[in-house]
């Protein structure tokens, strides 16, 4: 056995490992096809429409038809691109995405049918397996960055730069949320973390860390409302703009595999991994946690988190980029850091046996602290407490308590020149148009007018300007 790892791989030969690796790749490819169909169906039901229903029963073959379409499309290469990096970038994204499931446990030890072989339902594991997962996610973003840079075009480069800033920001929050699991489980091995959740799943006593992870995993995978690297309205599909045919399909494949990756890690670290839910785990002295049953529980939790991705996409709108970055750096990271400090203090009290750790009092205290901490964060960040003031006078992204609405005929600050640069633009919130020359000639009129006052008043006769 490997020191610090709960799973026993002593009976695995090289051929067993190869078969496991092939099964994982096949599972991921089939899961991507199902995920595309699943997303279209769920979003269609949310929008009261049928969704895919022509190709195959219930439209199940629609994803296969889309894959064949991408495979048979004309493969266009950009003349100004760096040819080697241009072809290598999507391969890097897919390869790094496929590596993560190597350390994800699908279940405990299982017996292969028609043989006497007993092996863990996991390819491999080692004492720092979670750090390996973070490393794969970090290297995978190089595919996006290199893809945007090598295209030799402006919009893909902007999408690549956005992706770099986004992944760095949200990977920090994600890594800090995982520190809480390391503190509680005392290990970074995925099989050991699942073994540590025999009595209590970590999402409950580590509720703030779980909430930060769920938000971070959506931002990490560039999904709505955080799909800024490929915002179609402003970047023309971002870093994938100059890709077509199968090279585009590789990026598309990597995105959905990464969704499965982060969902599997959340299941393993916070939701008990392959363990059955509480009412079922007590049936028959835990018989549902043995054999092939745990694979079913793992897949059920995995697809429940995939539903969260689709649910969020069908519910929320895309954020503005400065709001997105402010939320990552000024909300998620401070909350994750503060929770690590609080958890360390509680763990010290448990270690000193101040709260009766041996009788289960530590878990109750930690759960109460987690709920109170999360309630405090929600109270501080509740909607309506403060509003965003994006105008230039206050600085982009600054938060200020909303003052009473000023009388537009009295306000004399933040005057906007609508014709600066040669094109008329509407005023931003808090800005006003400059004084009206016509009103100044009348005398006694206010110096600053309402932005909506674009023409003469209803009771004012129209006067032609003298040339």
Protein backbone atom coordinates (compact mmCIF):
# COMPACT_ATOMS: atom_id res chain seq x y z
CA UNK A 1 0.00 0.00 0.00
CA UNK A 2 1.04 3.62 -0.58
CA UNK A 3 1.72 5.48 2.71
CA UNK A 4 -0.96 8.09 3.42
CA UNK A 5 -3.41 6.57 0.90
CA UNK A 6 -6.50 4.60 1.95
CA UNK A 7 -6.93 2.67 -1.31
CA UNK A 8 -4.95 -0.52 -1.90
CA UNK A 9 -3.46 -0.79 -5.40
CA UNK A 10 -1.13 -3.72 -4.60
CA UNK A 11 -2.96 -6.12 -6.96
CA UNK A 12 -3.01 -3.73 -9.93
CA UNK A 13 -0.79 -4.72 -12.84
CA UNK A 14 0.15 -2.53 -15.78
CA UNK A 15 -2.66 -4.07 -17.84
CA UNK A 16 -5.24 -3.34 -15.14
CA UNK A 17 -4.11 0.30 -15.10
CA UNK A 18 -4.33 0.53 -18.90
CA UNK A 19 -7.88 -0.86 -18.89
CA UNK A 20 -8.88 1.59 -16.16
CA UNK A 21 -7.41 4.50 -18.12
CA UNK A 22 -9.28 3.50 -21.27
CA UNK A 23 -12.54 3.15 -19.34
CA UNK A 24 -12.08 6.63 -17.83
CA UNK A 25 -11.51 8.19 -21.28
CA UNK A 26 -14.56 6.41 -22.69
CA UNK A 27 -16.61 7.49 -19.68
CA UNK A 28 -15.61 11.14 -20.14
CA UNK A 29 -16.31 11.18 -23.88
CA UNK A 30 -19.74 9.58 -23.44
CA UNK A 31 -20.49 11.87 -20.49
CA UNK A 32 -19.75 14.93 -22.64
CA UNK A 33 -22.28 13.75 -25.25
CA UNK A 34 -24.86 13.19 -22.52
CA UNK A 35 -24.01 16.55 -20.87
CA UNK A 36 -24.64 18.49 -24.09
CA UNK A 37 -28.01 16.78 -24.55
CA UNK A 38 -28.81 17.19 -20.85
CA UNK A 39 -28.01 20.92 -20.91
CA UNK A 40 -30.15 21.55 -23.96
CA UNK A 41 -33.07 19.61 -22.54
CA UNK A 42 -32.98 21.30 -19.12
CA UNK A 43 -32.60 24.82 -20.53
CA UNK A 44 -35.42 24.07 -22.99
CA UNK A 45 -37.73 23.01 -20.16
CA UNK A 46 -36.85 26.17 -18.26
CA UNK A 47 -37.77 28.20 -21.36
CA UNK A 48 -40.95 26.17 -22.04
CA UNK A 49 -39.83 24.58 -25.31
CA UNK A 50 -39.15 20.94 -26.31
CA UNK A 51 -35.41 21.01 -26.98
CA UNK A 52 -33.75 18.22 -29.02
CA UNK A 53 -36.41 15.70 -29.99
CA UNK A 54 -35.75 14.63 -33.60
CA UNK A 55 -32.51 12.63 -33.79
CA UNK A 56 -32.98 9.44 -31.83
CA UNK A 57 -35.37 8.75 -28.95
CA UNK A 58 -35.87 11.96 -26.94
CA UNK A 59 -33.23 13.58 -29.14
CA UNK A 60 -30.43 11.52 -27.58
CA UNK A 61 -28.47 11.35 -30.84
CA UNK A 62 -28.41 15.12 -31.32
CA UNK A 63 -25.02 15.41 -29.58
CA UNK A 64 -23.61 12.69 -31.83
CA UNK A 65 -24.91 14.55 -34.90
CA UNK A 66 -23.22 17.75 -33.69
CA UNK A 67 -19.95 15.90 -33.18
CA UNK A 68 -20.09 14.46 -36.70
CA UNK A 69 -20.85 17.92 -38.09
CA UNK A 70 -17.71 19.35 -36.46
CA UNK A 71 -15.67 16.37 -37.61
CA UNK A 72 -16.73 16.79 -41.26
CA UNK A 73 -16.53 20.61 -41.45
CA UNK A 74 -13.80 22.24 -43.48
CA UNK A 75 -10.65 22.71 -41.41
CA UNK A 76 -9.53 26.33 -41.86
CA UNK A 77 -6.09 27.48 -40.71
CA UNK A 78 -5.34 31.15 -40.15
CA UNK A 79 -2.53 32.46 -42.33
CA UNK A 80 -1.11 34.80 -39.69
CA UNK A 81 -1.17 32.16 -36.94
CA UNK A 82 1.83 30.52 -35.33
CA UNK A 83 1.10 27.14 -36.88
CA UNK A 84 2.68 24.86 -34.23
CA UNK A 85 1.22 26.65 -31.20
CA UNK A 86 -2.08 27.13 -33.02
CA UNK A 87 -2.46 23.35 -33.36
CA UNK A 88 -0.97 22.53 -29.97
CA UNK A 89 -3.24 24.79 -27.88
CA UNK A 90 -6.50 22.75 -28.08
CA UNK A 91 -4.53 19.55 -27.48
CA UNK A 92 -3.11 21.01 -24.26
CA UNK A 93 -6.60 21.91 -23.02
CA UNK A 94 -8.04 18.46 -23.72
CA UNK A 95 -5.03 16.53 -22.41
CA UNK A 96 -4.99 18.40 -19.07
CA UNK A 97 -8.75 17.97 -18.72
CA UNK A 98 -8.46 14.20 -19.19
CA UNK A 99 -5.78 13.87 -16.47
CA UNK A 100 -7.92 14.93 -13.51
CA UNK A 101 -10.10 11.79 -13.29
CA UNK A 102 -6.99 9.66 -12.77
CA UNK A 103 -7.18 10.33 -9.00
CA UNK A 104 -10.97 10.48 -8.61
CA UNK A 105 -12.38 7.46 -6.70
CA UNK A 106 -15.56 6.08 -8.27
CA UNK A 107 -16.00 3.61 -5.43
CA UNK A 108 -14.24 1.33 -2.92
CA UNK A 109 -12.63 -1.98 -3.83
CA UNK A 110 -14.71 -3.93 -6.33
CA UNK A 111 -14.49 -7.43 -7.76
CA UNK A 112 -14.32 -7.55 -11.54
CA UNK A 113 -17.09 -9.79 -12.93
CA UNK A 114 -16.04 -13.28 -14.12
CA UNK A 115 -12.62 -12.89 -12.47
CA UNK A 116 -11.09 -13.06 -9.02
CA UNK A 117 -9.47 -9.63 -9.38
CA UNK A 118 -10.23 -7.14 -6.60
CA UNK A 119 -9.16 -3.57 -7.28
CA UNK A 120 -10.16 -0.06 -6.20
CA UNK A 121 -12.58 1.74 -8.54
CA UNK A 122 -9.87 4.34 -9.11
CA UNK A 123 -6.93 4.59 -11.48
CA UNK A 124 -4.35 5.77 -8.94
CA UNK A 125 -3.85 7.87 -5.83
CA UNK A 126 -0.99 9.45 -3.91
CA UNK A 127 -0.60 11.62 -0.80
CA UNK A 128 -0.86 14.96 -2.70
CA UNK A 129 -3.53 13.98 -5.22
CA UNK A 130 -5.57 17.18 -4.76
CA UNK A 131 -2.50 19.31 -5.51
CA UNK A 132 -2.12 17.27 -8.70
CA UNK A 133 -5.69 18.20 -9.64
CA UNK A 134 -4.99 21.91 -9.08
CA UNK A 135 -1.81 21.61 -11.15
CA UNK A 136 -3.72 20.05 -14.07
CA UNK A 137 -6.31 22.84 -13.93
CA UNK A 138 -3.57 25.48 -13.90
CA UNK A 139 -1.69 24.01 -16.85
CA UNK A 140 -4.93 23.56 -18.80
CA UNK A 141 -5.42 27.32 -19.04
CA UNK A 142 -2.26 27.51 -21.11
CA UNK A 143 -4.26 25.95 -23.93
CA UNK A 144 -6.68 28.87 -23.82
CA UNK A 145 -3.94 31.49 -23.53
CA UNK A 146 -1.81 30.01 -26.31
CA UNK A 147 -4.85 29.50 -28.51
CA UNK A 148 -5.78 33.16 -28.28
CA UNK A 149 -2.21 34.40 -28.71
CA UNK A 150 -1.25 32.12 -31.60
CA UNK A 151 -4.30 33.09 -33.69
CA UNK A 152 -2.70 36.39 -34.66
CA UNK A 153 -5.98 38.25 -34.12
CA UNK A 154 -7.05 40.92 -31.64
CA UNK A 155 -10.28 39.49 -30.25
CA UNK A 156 -8.90 36.01 -29.48
CA UNK A 157 -5.97 37.67 -27.71
CA UNK A 158 -8.33 39.75 -25.58
CA UNK A 159 -10.28 36.61 -24.71
CA UNK A 160 -7.06 34.82 -23.76
CA UNK A 161 -5.95 37.69 -21.51
CA UNK A 162 -9.32 37.74 -19.81
CA UNK A 163 -9.13 34.01 -19.25
CA UNK A 164 -5.70 34.33 -17.63
CA UNK A 165 -6.93 36.90 -15.12
CA UNK A 166 -10.13 34.96 -14.49
CA UNK A 167 -8.53 31.58 -13.84
CA UNK A 168 -5.85 33.03 -11.56
CA UNK A 169 -8.47 34.88 -9.53
CA UNK A 170 -10.88 32.00 -9.09
CA UNK A 171 -8.25 29.30 -8.66
CA UNK A 172 -6.97 31.20 -5.62
CA UNK A 173 -10.44 31.15 -4.07
CA UNK A 174 -10.88 27.50 -5.02
CA UNK A 175 -7.52 26.50 -3.50
CA UNK A 176 -8.32 28.33 -0.26
CA UNK A 177 -11.68 26.57 -0.03
CA UNK A 178 -9.92 23.20 -0.34
CA UNK A 179 -7.57 24.05 2.54
CA UNK A 180 -10.52 23.58 4.90
CA UNK A 181 -10.94 20.00 3.68
CA UNK A 182 -7.24 19.30 4.20
CA UNK A 183 -7.49 20.61 7.78
CA UNK A 184 -10.50 18.43 8.57
CA UNK A 185 -9.39 15.25 6.79
CA UNK A 186 -5.69 15.53 7.64
CA UNK A 187 -4.76 14.34 4.15
CA UNK A 188 -4.60 15.42 0.49
CA UNK A 189 -5.24 11.92 -0.82
CA UNK A 190 -8.65 11.63 -2.47
CA UNK A 191 -9.31 8.11 -1.17
CA UNK A 192 -8.34 9.18 2.36
CA UNK A 193 -10.61 12.23 2.18
CA UNK A 194 -13.55 10.00 1.20
CA UNK A 195 -12.64 7.62 4.04
CA UNK A 196 -12.68 10.56 6.51
CA UNK A 197 -16.33 11.29 5.63
CA UNK A 198 -17.67 8.03 7.01
CA UNK A 199 -19.64 9.74 9.79
CA UNK A 200 -20.21 13.25 8.37
CA UNK A 201 -19.88 14.73 4.89
CA UNK A 202 -17.63 17.80 4.91
CA UNK A 203 -20.05 20.10 3.09
CA UNK A 204 -22.06 20.59 6.29
CA UNK A 205 -19.35 21.61 8.81
CA UNK A 206 -17.45 23.38 5.99
CA UNK A 207 -20.47 25.13 4.49
CA UNK A 208 -18.70 28.47 3.75
CA UNK A 209 -15.84 26.66 1.99
CA UNK A 210 -18.33 24.60 -0.01
CA UNK A 211 -20.20 27.75 -1.08
CA UNK A 212 -16.94 29.41 -2.17
CA UNK A 213 -15.97 26.27 -4.10
CA UNK A 214 -19.29 26.07 -5.95
CA UNK A 215 -19.00 29.70 -7.09
CA UNK A 216 -15.32 29.26 -7.97
CA UNK A 217 -15.91 26.12 -10.01
CA UNK A 218 -18.41 27.98 -12.21
CA UNK A 219 -15.89 30.80 -12.72
CA UNK A 220 -13.07 28.31 -13.30
CA UNK A 221 -14.91 26.61 -16.15
CA UNK A 222 -15.90 29.86 -17.92
CA UNK A 223 -19.60 29.19 -17.58
CA UNK A 224 -22.43 31.70 -17.31
CA UNK A 225 -22.57 34.12 -15.57
CA UNK A 226 -18.74 34.04 -15.68
CA UNK A 227 -18.13 33.27 -19.38
CA UNK A 228 -16.21 36.52 -19.96
CA UNK A 229 -13.31 34.96 -21.97
CA UNK A 230 -15.80 34.08 -24.73
CA UNK A 231 -18.42 36.80 -24.37
CA UNK A 232 -20.06 36.67 -27.81
CA UNK A 233 -21.45 40.21 -27.61
CA UNK A 234 -18.05 41.85 -27.30
CA UNK A 235 -15.29 39.34 -28.12
CA UNK A 236 -16.87 37.30 -30.94
CA UNK A 237 -16.46 33.99 -29.08
CA UNK A 238 -13.14 35.04 -27.54
CA UNK A 239 -10.12 32.77 -27.80
CA UNK A 240 -11.99 30.30 -30.06
CA UNK A 241 -12.84 32.87 -32.74
CA UNK A 242 -10.21 31.69 -35.25
CA UNK A 243 -10.76 27.95 -34.68
CA UNK A 244 -13.00 25.67 -36.72
CA UNK A 245 -13.80 22.01 -37.27
CA UNK A 246 -12.16 19.55 -34.85
CA UNK A 247 -9.80 22.14 -33.33
CA UNK A 248 -12.84 24.04 -32.14
CA UNK A 249 -14.40 20.75 -31.01
CA UNK A 250 -11.37 20.07 -28.79
CA UNK A 251 -11.87 23.34 -26.93
CA UNK A 252 -15.56 22.55 -26.67
CA UNK A 253 -14.74 19.06 -25.36
CA UNK A 254 -12.28 20.44 -22.79
CA UNK A 255 -14.90 22.83 -21.41
CA UNK A 256 -17.42 20.06 -20.73
CA UNK A 257 -14.79 17.68 -19.35
CA UNK A 258 -13.69 20.42 -16.95
CA UNK A 259 -17.29 20.74 -15.80
CA UNK A 260 -17.24 17.02 -15.00
CA UNK A 261 -13.85 17.42 -13.30
CA UNK A 262 -14.85 20.15 -10.87
CA UNK A 263 -18.14 18.37 -10.13
CA UNK A 264 -16.26 15.14 -9.37
CA UNK A 265 -13.83 16.97 -7.06
CA UNK A 266 -16.71 18.65 -5.23
CA UNK A 267 -18.36 15.24 -4.83
CA UNK A 268 -15.16 13.65 -3.54
CA UNK A 269 -14.09 16.41 -1.14
CA UNK A 270 -17.39 17.75 0.17
CA UNK A 271 -20.25 15.33 -0.60
CA UNK A 272 -18.87 12.07 0.73
CA UNK A 273 -17.51 10.78 -2.57
CA UNK A 274 -19.01 7.41 -3.43
CA UNK A 275 -20.78 7.00 -0.07
CA UNK A 276 -24.56 6.59 -0.03
CA UNK A 277 -26.76 9.37 1.45
CA UNK A 278 -27.64 9.04 5.13
CA UNK A 279 -30.95 7.14 5.03
CA UNK A 280 -29.53 4.60 2.56
CA UNK A 281 -26.14 4.30 4.24
CA UNK A 282 -27.82 2.83 7.33
CA UNK A 283 -29.59 0.07 5.37
CA UNK A 284 -28.25 -3.40 6.11
CA UNK A 285 -25.22 -2.18 8.09
CA UNK A 286 -23.90 -0.19 5.15
CA UNK A 287 -24.34 -2.85 2.46
CA UNK A 288 -25.12 -0.10 -0.06
CA UNK A 289 -21.60 1.26 0.47
CA UNK A 290 -20.00 -1.93 -0.83
CA UNK A 291 -19.63 -3.54 -4.23
CA UNK A 292 -20.77 -1.64 -7.30
CA UNK A 293 -23.49 0.38 -5.51
CA UNK A 294 -21.10 3.25 -4.62
CA UNK A 295 -20.47 3.93 -8.31
CA UNK A 296 -24.18 4.71 -8.64
CA UNK A 297 -24.10 7.17 -5.70
CA UNK A 298 -21.02 8.88 -7.11
CA UNK A 299 -22.63 9.35 -10.53
CA UNK A 300 -25.86 10.63 -8.96
CA UNK A 301 -23.98 13.33 -7.03
CA UNK A 302 -21.88 14.18 -10.08
CA UNK A 303 -24.93 14.79 -12.26
CA UNK A 304 -26.68 16.72 -9.50
CA UNK A 305 -23.80 19.21 -9.62
CA UNK A 306 -23.94 19.23 -13.43
CA UNK A 307 -27.58 20.24 -13.07
CA UNK A 308 -26.42 23.20 -10.97
CA UNK A 309 -24.27 24.37 -13.90
CA UNK A 310 -27.25 24.22 -16.26
CA UNK A 311 -29.60 25.78 -13.71
CA UNK A 312 -27.29 28.76 -13.22
CA UNK A 313 -26.88 29.19 -16.97
CA UNK A 314 -30.64 29.28 -17.49
CA UNK A 315 -31.18 31.71 -14.61
CA UNK A 316 -28.46 34.36 -14.41
CA UNK A 317 -27.14 36.97 -16.81
CA UNK A 318 -23.50 37.60 -17.65
CA UNK A 319 -21.68 39.88 -15.23
CA UNK A 320 -19.70 42.93 -16.21
CA UNK A 321 -15.99 42.20 -16.16
CA UNK A 322 -15.07 44.64 -13.38
CA UNK A 323 -17.91 43.25 -11.23
CA UNK A 324 -16.65 39.74 -11.89
CA UNK A 325 -13.07 40.51 -10.85
CA UNK A 326 -14.13 42.56 -7.82
CA UNK A 327 -16.31 39.66 -6.66
CA UNK A 328 -13.39 37.23 -6.94
CA UNK A 329 -10.71 39.36 -5.26
CA UNK A 330 -12.77 41.35 -2.74
CA UNK A 331 -15.42 38.81 -1.77
CA UNK A 332 -14.49 35.17 -2.41
CA UNK A 333 -10.80 35.30 -1.45
CA UNK A 334 -11.33 37.30 1.81
CA UNK A 335 -14.24 35.04 2.79
CA UNK A 336 -12.16 31.91 2.13
CA UNK A 337 -9.21 33.30 4.13
CA UNK A 338 -11.41 34.33 7.04
CA UNK A 339 -13.04 30.91 7.11
CA UNK A 340 -9.65 29.16 7.22
CA UNK A 341 -8.76 31.27 10.28
CA UNK A 342 -12.07 30.50 11.99
CA UNK A 343 -11.72 26.79 11.21
CA UNK A 344 -8.18 26.73 12.61
CA UNK A 345 -9.38 28.23 15.87
CA UNK A 346 -12.22 25.72 16.18
CA UNK A 347 -9.86 22.84 15.39
CA UNK A 348 -7.48 24.08 18.09
CA UNK A 349 -10.36 24.06 20.58
CA UNK A 350 -11.25 20.53 19.50
CA UNK A 351 -7.63 19.42 19.84
CA UNK A 352 -7.52 20.85 23.36
CA UNK A 353 -10.76 18.91 24.09
CA UNK A 354 -12.44 22.16 25.15
CA UNK A 355 -15.66 21.28 23.31
CA UNK A 356 -15.73 17.52 23.83
CA UNK A 357 -14.35 16.35 20.50
CA UNK A 358 -14.60 12.74 21.52
CA UNK A 359 -18.36 12.94 22.08
CA UNK A 360 -19.20 14.62 18.78
CA UNK A 361 -19.43 18.10 20.26
CA UNK A 362 -16.72 19.34 17.91
CA UNK A 363 -18.76 18.56 14.79
CA UNK A 364 -21.83 20.27 16.25
CA UNK A 365 -19.83 23.34 17.20
CA UNK A 366 -18.18 23.51 13.80
CA UNK A 367 -21.51 23.18 11.99
CA UNK A 368 -23.02 25.95 14.11
CA UNK A 369 -20.00 28.17 13.48
CA UNK A 370 -20.18 27.47 9.74
CA UNK A 371 -23.85 28.42 9.54
CA UNK A 372 -23.28 31.56 11.62
CA UNK A 373 -20.26 32.57 9.52
CA UNK A 374 -22.15 32.12 6.27
CA UNK A 375 -25.14 34.06 7.62
CA UNK A 376 -22.79 36.90 8.62
CA UNK A 377 -21.26 37.00 5.12
CA UNK A 378 -24.70 37.06 3.50
CA UNK A 379 -25.81 39.85 5.85
CA UNK A 380 -22.76 41.95 5.01
CA UNK A 381 -23.13 41.38 1.25
CA UNK A 382 -26.91 41.42 1.07
CA UNK A 383 -28.42 43.09 -2.01
CA UNK A 384 -29.58 46.66 -1.50
CA UNK A 385 -27.05 47.45 1.20
CA UNK A 386 -24.84 49.32 -1.25
CA UNK A 387 -24.97 50.08 -4.92
CA UNK A 388 -22.31 50.24 -7.56
CA UNK A 389 -21.17 53.65 -8.76
CA UNK A 390 -19.32 53.02 -12.03
CA UNK A 391 -18.94 56.64 -13.11
CA UNK A 392 -15.48 58.06 -13.65
CA UNK A 393 -15.68 60.59 -10.81
CA UNK A 394 -15.91 57.82 -8.21
CA UNK A 395 -13.68 55.30 -9.98
CA UNK A 396 -14.78 52.06 -11.61
CA UNK A 397 -15.96 49.43 -9.19
CA UNK A 398 -16.18 51.63 -6.11
CA UNK A 399 -19.07 50.97 -3.73
CA UNK A 400 -20.93 53.81 -2.11
CA UNK A 401 -24.14 54.05 -0.16
CA UNK A 402 -26.87 55.34 -2.43
CA UNK A 403 -27.58 59.01 -1.59
CA UNK A 404 -30.99 60.62 -2.12
CA UNK A 405 -31.74 61.26 -5.78
CA UNK A 406 -30.63 64.82 -6.51
CA UNK A 407 -32.86 67.30 -8.29
CA UNK A 408 -31.59 67.27 -11.91
CA UNK A 409 -32.15 71.04 -12.11
CA UNK A 410 -29.98 71.65 -9.04
CA UNK A 411 -27.14 69.17 -9.47
CA UNK A 412 -24.04 70.86 -10.92
CA UNK A 413 -21.47 68.05 -10.71
CA UNK A 414 -20.34 65.26 -13.02
CA UNK A 415 -21.30 67.12 -16.18
CA UNK A 416 -21.02 64.96 -19.31
CA UNK A 417 -19.99 66.18 -22.74
CA UNK A 418 -22.13 63.93 -24.97
CA UNK A 419 -20.27 64.90 -28.15
CA UNK A 420 -16.74 64.17 -26.90
CA UNK A 421 -14.97 62.17 -29.58
CA UNK A 422 -17.48 63.16 -32.26
CA UNK A 423 -20.33 60.77 -31.37
CA UNK A 424 -23.30 61.52 -29.08
CA UNK A 425 -23.46 59.17 -26.10
CA UNK A 426 -26.11 58.85 -23.36
CA UNK A 427 -25.15 59.87 -19.80
CA UNK A 428 -24.22 57.24 -17.25
CA UNK A 429 -26.06 57.10 -13.90
CA UNK A 430 -25.08 60.17 -11.87
CA UNK A 431 -23.96 62.19 -14.91
CA UNK A 432 -25.79 65.13 -16.45
CA UNK A 433 -25.76 66.95 -19.74
CA UNK A 434 -23.99 70.32 -19.96
CA UNK A 435 -25.95 73.60 -19.65
CA UNK A 436 -28.39 74.23 -22.46
CA UNK A 437 -27.48 77.33 -24.56
CA UNK A 438 -31.17 77.88 -25.37
CA UNK A 439 -32.13 77.86 -21.68
CA UNK A 440 -29.27 80.26 -20.83
CA UNK A 441 -30.54 82.75 -23.43
CA UNK A 442 -34.00 82.69 -21.89
CA UNK A 443 -32.53 83.75 -18.57
CA UNK A 444 -33.36 82.43 -15.13
CA UNK A 445 -33.29 78.81 -16.32
CA UNK A 446 -31.24 76.16 -14.50
CA UNK A 447 -27.64 75.65 -15.53
CA UNK A 448 -27.90 71.84 -15.66
CA UNK A 449 -30.77 70.07 -17.33
CA UNK A 450 -32.27 66.63 -17.06
CA UNK A 451 -30.64 64.05 -19.41
CA UNK A 452 -34.09 63.28 -20.73
CA UNK A 453 -34.62 66.94 -21.63
CA UNK A 454 -33.21 66.58 -25.13
CA UNK A 455 -35.52 69.13 -26.79
CA UNK A 456 -37.76 72.08 -25.99
CA UNK A 457 -40.45 71.88 -23.35
CA UNK A 458 -44.03 71.25 -24.49
CA UNK A 459 -45.00 74.85 -23.64
CA UNK A 460 -41.91 76.36 -25.28
CA UNK A 461 -42.14 77.60 -28.88
CA UNK A 462 -39.56 76.19 -31.22
CA UNK A 463 -37.11 78.87 -32.27
CA UNK A 464 -34.77 78.50 -35.19
CA UNK A 465 -31.13 79.13 -34.46
CA UNK A 466 -29.61 82.06 -36.33
CA UNK A 467 -26.80 81.17 -38.65
